[in-house]
């Protein structure tokens, strides 16, 4: 993963000091201005995505409605990636305790909110407990590409499917006490509502294994390589300078049952949906992870899950 700094000005000749540029990504006025300049920040208006996308008990899933709600998602990401996991923040990220980059300004941010959460002083204070970052192809034109392209060469994939609408899924995280089936289901109801609204044809994005030593991940990486690598028109390869071989073990030495137990829940969930994976992994030393590329054409999603997401929508409606 990379953490890029977006600029809040259209005047490239006026270079700002590095520290000031870093601070910009945390200022709400600059965040909003950057989003407008880049054609992003299409905050929900009076349409099908403006309200609740799902609800279960005290939990609600919906899109962020302004820069301050994106701040809350960034705060959650910092808490999970940097405080719980092994990502290494820069000085400004540590100061503001937020995970932010230039892509945030052109994305929609899916939130799970607990409306019964307690605040510091004991009162009810709704809290963002889960998030996903959703980036559509139209939104990244002025940024020069998707976030994923820093790790995987997705350009040939996009070129092979010029008629398709792609959605990048990223920066997914859930607060530890909420890592339950219910929260994951709510997130996927939100993603599915978003895909249907925008008529998305295929999703992709990075999924991570904790750790930067591929040999320690030999079994799950080899399982993906031998049994779940995308082929043909959906094949994607890691960027050559970052490519890490996934076939650490020969096929005959891969215990599939044991390998499945070693997969992170997110990767396992993508597999159940019908996803396939890119060829080669990427080690991200800043985040302390080994990343694989998930590729999920909507047409490949198991019909049982389509029927569940469609037919069970009433239970999650507002």
Protein backbone atom coordinates (compact mmCIF):
# COMPACT_ATOMS: atom_id res chain seq x y z
CA UNK A 1 0.00 0.00 0.00
CA UNK A 2 1.11 3.59 -0.53
CA UNK A 3 0.16 6.77 1.26
CA UNK A 4 0.08 9.64 -1.20
CA UNK A 5 -0.54 13.30 -0.39
CA UNK A 6 -3.13 15.21 -2.38
CA UNK A 7 -2.72 18.89 -3.09
CA UNK A 8 -5.43 21.40 -2.20
CA UNK A 9 -4.43 23.88 -4.94
CA UNK A 10 -4.67 24.05 -8.72
CA UNK A 11 -1.42 26.05 -8.91
CA UNK A 12 1.43 23.53 -9.19
CA UNK A 13 4.01 26.30 -9.56
CA UNK A 14 3.49 27.29 -5.93
CA UNK A 15 5.13 24.36 -4.23
CA UNK A 16 4.22 23.99 -0.58
CA UNK A 17 6.68 22.82 2.07
CA UNK A 18 6.59 19.06 2.57
CA UNK A 19 5.18 19.39 6.09
CA UNK A 20 2.39 21.69 4.95
CA UNK A 21 1.52 19.33 2.09
CA UNK A 22 1.28 16.45 4.55
CA UNK A 23 -0.99 18.48 6.82
CA UNK A 24 -3.37 19.22 3.94
CA UNK A 25 -4.77 15.73 3.76
CA UNK A 26 -6.24 16.16 7.25
CA UNK A 27 -7.87 19.58 6.81
CA UNK A 28 -11.62 19.25 6.08
CA UNK A 29 -11.72 22.33 3.85
CA UNK A 30 -8.82 21.07 1.76
CA UNK A 31 -10.26 17.56 1.65
CA UNK A 32 -13.53 18.91 0.26
CA UNK A 33 -11.79 21.25 -2.19
CA UNK A 34 -9.57 18.46 -3.51
CA UNK A 35 -12.57 16.21 -3.99
CA UNK A 36 -14.41 18.87 -5.99
CA UNK A 37 -11.37 19.61 -8.16
CA UNK A 38 -10.86 15.94 -8.95
CA UNK A 39 -14.49 15.29 -9.74
CA UNK A 40 -15.02 13.15 -6.65
CA UNK A 41 -16.96 13.51 -3.44
CA UNK A 42 -20.30 12.67 -4.98
CA UNK A 43 -21.88 12.60 -1.54
CA UNK A 44 -25.26 10.89 -1.47
CA UNK A 45 -28.03 13.08 -2.84
CA UNK A 46 -31.76 12.49 -3.26
CA UNK A 47 -31.44 9.05 -4.82
CA UNK A 48 -31.47 5.38 -3.88
CA UNK A 49 -28.11 5.63 -2.10
CA UNK A 50 -28.89 8.69 0.02
CA UNK A 51 -30.23 6.84 3.04
CA UNK A 52 -29.73 3.61 4.89
CA UNK A 53 -28.46 0.73 2.76
CA UNK A 54 -29.06 -1.80 5.51
CA UNK A 55 -29.74 -2.15 9.20
CA UNK A 56 -29.43 -4.98 11.68
CA UNK A 57 -30.23 -4.22 15.30
CA UNK A 58 -28.29 -1.12 16.30
CA UNK A 59 -25.99 -1.35 13.27
CA UNK A 60 -26.58 0.64 10.10
CA UNK A 61 -24.67 0.59 6.81
CA UNK A 62 -24.65 3.63 4.53
CA UNK A 63 -22.32 5.94 2.62
CA UNK A 64 -20.41 8.77 4.29
CA UNK A 65 -22.25 12.07 3.89
CA UNK A 66 -19.44 14.57 4.16
CA UNK A 67 -15.75 15.15 4.96
CA UNK A 68 -16.25 14.76 8.71
CA UNK A 69 -17.69 11.27 8.26
CA UNK A 70 -14.71 10.39 6.06
CA UNK A 71 -12.52 11.60 8.94
CA UNK A 72 -14.28 9.08 11.16
CA UNK A 73 -13.54 6.31 8.67
CA UNK A 74 -9.90 7.42 8.50
CA UNK A 75 -9.74 7.37 12.29
CA UNK A 76 -11.04 3.79 12.33
CA UNK A 77 -8.53 2.78 9.67
CA UNK A 78 -5.70 4.24 11.75
CA UNK A 79 -6.86 2.40 14.83
CA UNK A 80 -6.97 -0.96 13.01
CA UNK A 81 -4.02 -0.66 10.61
CA UNK A 82 -1.55 1.24 12.79
CA UNK A 83 -2.50 0.53 16.39
CA UNK A 84 -3.76 -3.03 16.17
CA UNK A 85 -1.78 -4.26 13.17
CA UNK A 86 1.81 -3.48 12.19
CA UNK A 87 1.50 -0.56 9.73
CA UNK A 88 4.05 2.25 10.23
CA UNK A 89 2.55 5.77 10.28
CA UNK A 90 4.41 8.86 9.18
CA UNK A 91 4.74 11.75 11.63
CA UNK A 92 1.61 13.57 10.50
CA UNK A 93 -0.54 10.44 10.44
CA UNK A 94 0.57 9.73 14.00
CA UNK A 95 -0.18 13.31 15.02
CA UNK A 96 -3.73 13.26 13.65
CA UNK A 97 -4.28 9.54 14.28
CA UNK A 98 -5.83 9.07 10.86
CA UNK A 99 -5.04 6.93 7.82
CA UNK A 100 -5.44 9.18 4.77
CA UNK A 101 -4.22 9.41 1.19
CA UNK A 102 -5.04 11.35 -1.97
CA UNK A 103 -7.48 8.69 -3.18
CA UNK A 104 -9.90 9.38 -0.33
CA UNK A 105 -11.04 12.55 -2.10
CA UNK A 106 -12.50 10.70 -5.10
CA UNK A 107 -14.00 7.69 -3.36
CA UNK A 108 -17.28 6.83 -1.76
CA UNK A 109 -16.81 5.56 1.78
CA UNK A 110 -19.10 2.82 3.06
CA UNK A 111 -19.67 2.95 6.82
CA UNK A 112 -21.11 0.63 9.42
CA UNK A 113 -22.36 2.73 12.34
CA UNK A 114 -23.34 1.45 15.76
CA UNK A 115 -26.11 3.74 16.99
CA UNK A 116 -26.00 2.27 20.51
CA UNK A 117 -22.28 2.82 21.09
CA UNK A 118 -21.31 4.58 24.31
CA UNK A 119 -19.18 7.72 24.33
CA UNK A 120 -16.31 8.53 26.62
CA UNK A 121 -18.63 9.86 29.32
CA UNK A 122 -21.19 7.08 29.14
CA UNK A 123 -23.85 8.61 26.91
CA UNK A 124 -25.03 7.24 23.57
CA UNK A 125 -22.68 8.34 20.79
CA UNK A 126 -22.97 6.62 17.37
CA UNK A 127 -19.62 5.20 16.28
CA UNK A 128 -18.17 4.14 12.92
CA UNK A 129 -17.16 0.51 13.48
CA UNK A 130 -16.59 -0.71 9.92
CA UNK A 131 -15.64 0.79 6.57
CA UNK A 132 -14.88 0.01 2.93
CA UNK A 133 -13.50 2.44 0.36
CA UNK A 134 -15.26 2.29 -3.02
CA UNK A 135 -13.55 3.74 -6.08
CA UNK A 136 -15.27 3.81 -9.46
CA UNK A 137 -13.36 4.07 -12.73
CA UNK A 138 -14.85 7.46 -13.65
CA UNK A 139 -13.65 9.00 -10.38
CA UNK A 140 -9.96 8.24 -10.88
CA UNK A 141 -9.45 9.60 -14.38
CA UNK A 142 -7.73 12.75 -13.08
CA UNK A 143 -5.58 10.77 -10.65
CA UNK A 144 -4.07 8.65 -13.40
CA UNK A 145 -5.37 5.30 -12.22
CA UNK A 146 -6.57 3.17 -9.38
CA UNK A 147 -4.76 2.77 -6.07
CA UNK A 148 -4.21 -0.93 -6.87
CA UNK A 149 -2.02 -0.08 -9.87
CA UNK A 150 0.92 0.69 -7.58
CA UNK A 151 1.07 -3.05 -6.81
CA UNK A 152 -0.61 -4.87 -9.71
CA UNK A 153 -0.62 -4.25 -13.45
CA UNK A 154 -4.36 -3.95 -13.99
CA UNK A 155 -4.11 -1.86 -17.19
CA UNK A 156 -4.34 -4.93 -19.48
CA UNK A 157 -7.41 -6.13 -17.56
CA UNK A 158 -9.18 -2.79 -18.04
CA UNK A 159 -8.17 -2.70 -21.71
CA UNK A 160 -9.62 -6.18 -22.32
CA UNK A 161 -12.98 -5.08 -20.92
CA UNK A 162 -13.55 -1.53 -22.17
CA UNK A 163 -17.32 -1.93 -21.98
CA UNK A 164 -17.36 -2.94 -18.31
CA UNK A 165 -17.76 -0.77 -15.22
CA UNK A 166 -15.09 -1.58 -12.64
CA UNK A 167 -15.16 -0.91 -8.91
CA UNK A 168 -12.09 -0.99 -6.69
CA UNK A 169 -12.65 -2.18 -3.13
CA UNK A 170 -10.08 -1.12 -0.59
CA UNK A 171 -9.17 0.02 2.93
CA UNK A 172 -11.61 -2.44 4.48
CA UNK A 173 -11.53 -2.78 8.24
CA UNK A 174 -13.82 -3.50 11.18
CA UNK A 175 -13.29 -2.63 14.82
CA UNK A 176 -12.29 -5.77 16.72
CA UNK A 177 -15.44 -6.24 18.91
CA UNK A 178 -17.60 -5.99 15.76
CA UNK A 179 -15.82 -8.61 13.64
CA UNK A 180 -18.89 -10.79 13.36
CA UNK A 181 -20.91 -12.34 10.58
CA UNK A 182 -23.56 -9.65 11.06
CA UNK A 183 -21.13 -6.79 10.41
CA UNK A 184 -19.62 -8.47 7.36
CA UNK A 185 -23.09 -9.18 5.96
CA UNK A 186 -24.06 -5.54 6.43
CA UNK A 187 -20.96 -4.39 4.56
CA UNK A 188 -21.75 -6.74 1.68
CA UNK A 189 -25.36 -5.61 1.55
CA UNK A 190 -24.03 -2.08 1.23
CA UNK A 191 -21.54 -3.04 -1.49
CA UNK A 192 -24.19 -4.96 -3.39
CA UNK A 193 -26.65 -2.04 -3.26
CA UNK A 194 -23.86 0.21 -4.53
CA UNK A 195 -22.98 -2.19 -7.36
CA UNK A 196 -26.59 -2.46 -8.48
CA UNK A 197 -27.12 1.30 -8.34
CA UNK A 198 -24.01 2.02 -10.43
CA UNK A 199 -24.40 -1.10 -12.61
CA UNK A 200 -20.95 -2.40 -11.71
CA UNK A 201 -19.71 -5.34 -13.80
CA UNK A 202 -16.58 -6.33 -11.87
CA UNK A 203 -14.83 -5.62 -8.58
CA UNK A 204 -11.17 -5.86 -7.67
CA UNK A 205 -8.82 -4.80 -4.91
CA UNK A 206 -6.00 -5.88 -2.63
CA UNK A 207 -6.47 -8.30 0.24
CA UNK A 208 -3.72 -8.72 2.81
CA UNK A 209 -1.98 -11.42 4.78
CA UNK A 210 -0.33 -10.24 7.98
CA UNK A 211 3.45 -10.45 7.70
CA UNK A 212 6.15 -9.61 5.15
CA UNK A 213 7.88 -13.00 4.84
CA UNK A 214 6.23 -14.93 1.98
CA UNK A 215 7.90 -18.16 3.10
CA UNK A 216 5.92 -17.97 6.34
CA UNK A 217 2.79 -17.78 4.17
CA UNK A 218 3.87 -20.56 1.83
CA UNK A 219 0.80 -22.77 2.36
CA UNK A 220 -2.01 -20.23 1.80
CA UNK A 221 -0.17 -18.44 -1.02
CA UNK A 222 0.53 -21.75 -2.77
CA UNK A 223 -3.11 -22.79 -2.35
CA UNK A 224 -4.27 -19.60 -4.07
CA UNK A 225 -1.68 -20.03 -6.83
CA UNK A 226 -2.64 -23.62 -7.63
CA UNK A 227 -6.41 -23.44 -7.07
CA UNK A 228 -7.70 -19.87 -7.39
CA UNK A 229 -5.58 -17.86 -9.84
CA UNK A 230 -7.54 -15.93 -12.47
CA UNK A 231 -6.95 -17.11 -16.01
CA UNK A 232 -7.50 -15.88 -19.54
CA UNK A 233 -9.21 -12.52 -19.92
CA UNK A 234 -9.21 -11.97 -16.14
CA UNK A 235 -5.52 -12.67 -15.54
CA UNK A 236 -3.58 -9.93 -13.75
CA UNK A 237 0.09 -10.01 -12.74
CA UNK A 238 1.88 -8.15 -9.94
CA UNK A 239 4.05 -5.24 -11.04
CA UNK A 240 7.40 -6.74 -12.17
CA UNK A 241 9.52 -4.79 -9.71
CA UNK A 242 7.30 -5.87 -6.79
CA UNK A 243 6.35 -9.39 -7.90
CA UNK A 244 6.72 -12.14 -5.29
CA UNK A 245 6.18 -15.73 -6.42
CA UNK A 246 3.20 -17.44 -4.78
CA UNK A 247 4.00 -21.02 -5.79
CA UNK A 248 6.19 -21.56 -2.73
CA UNK A 249 5.11 -25.23 -2.56
CA UNK A 250 4.37 -27.72 -5.36
CA UNK A 251 0.69 -28.57 -5.82
CA UNK A 252 1.14 -32.05 -4.36
CA UNK A 253 2.33 -30.63 -1.05
CA UNK A 254 -0.63 -28.26 -0.55
CA UNK A 255 -3.11 -29.50 2.06
CA UNK A 256 -6.24 -27.66 0.88
CA UNK A 257 -8.16 -28.11 4.14
CA UNK A 258 -5.30 -26.75 6.22
CA UNK A 259 -4.64 -23.95 3.73
CA UNK A 260 -8.25 -22.76 3.98
CA UNK A 261 -7.88 -22.50 7.74
CA UNK A 262 -4.85 -20.26 7.21
CA UNK A 263 -6.65 -17.79 4.96
CA UNK A 264 -7.65 -14.43 6.43
CA UNK A 265 -11.46 -14.17 6.83
CA UNK A 266 -11.66 -11.51 4.10
CA UNK A 267 -9.82 -13.70 1.57
CA UNK A 268 -11.96 -16.69 2.54
CA UNK A 269 -15.09 -14.60 2.07
CA UNK A 270 -14.02 -13.50 -1.40
CA UNK A 271 -13.38 -17.12 -2.35
CA UNK A 272 -16.89 -18.10 -1.25
CA UNK A 273 -18.33 -15.38 -3.46
CA UNK A 274 -16.50 -16.80 -6.49
CA UNK A 275 -13.45 -14.52 -6.64
CA UNK A 276 -10.15 -15.38 -8.27
CA UNK A 277 -6.73 -13.88 -7.62
CA UNK A 278 -3.89 -12.23 -9.47
CA UNK A 279 -0.61 -13.95 -10.31
CA UNK A 280 2.08 -13.03 -7.82
CA UNK A 281 1.90 -11.28 -4.47
CA UNK A 282 3.36 -7.97 -3.28
CA UNK A 283 5.12 -7.31 0.04
CA UNK A 284 4.06 -4.01 1.60
CA UNK A 285 6.63 -3.18 4.26
CA UNK A 286 4.89 0.01 5.38
CA UNK A 287 1.72 -1.88 6.25
CA UNK A 288 3.52 -5.04 7.34
CA UNK A 289 1.50 -7.19 4.93
CA UNK A 290 1.74 -9.46 1.91
CA UNK A 291 -0.93 -8.43 -0.58
CA UNK A 292 -2.81 -10.45 -3.18
CA UNK A 293 -5.15 -9.10 -5.85
CA UNK A 294 -8.80 -10.12 -5.69
CA UNK A 295 -10.76 -10.19 -8.97
CA UNK A 296 -14.53 -10.64 -8.76
CA UNK A 297 -16.69 -10.30 -11.90
CA UNK A 298 -20.32 -9.84 -10.85
CA UNK A 299 -21.28 -12.61 -13.30
CA UNK A 300 -19.03 -15.02 -11.36
CA UNK A 301 -20.69 -14.47 -7.99
CA UNK A 302 -22.34 -17.66 -6.80
CA UNK A 303 -26.09 -17.44 -7.45
CA UNK A 304 -26.83 -18.46 -3.87
CA UNK A 305 -25.21 -15.27 -2.65
CA UNK A 306 -26.95 -13.15 -5.29
CA UNK A 307 -30.29 -14.55 -4.18
CA UNK A 308 -29.38 -14.00 -0.55
CA UNK A 309 -28.31 -10.40 -1.10
CA UNK A 310 -31.40 -9.69 -3.17
CA UNK A 311 -33.99 -11.79 -1.39
CA UNK A 312 -32.91 -10.96 2.16
CA UNK A 313 -32.77 -7.22 1.52
CA UNK A 314 -35.98 -6.64 3.41
CA UNK A 315 -34.41 -7.74 6.68
CA UNK A 316 -31.73 -5.11 6.23
CA UNK A 317 -33.93 -2.29 4.99
CA UNK A 318 -34.31 0.86 7.06
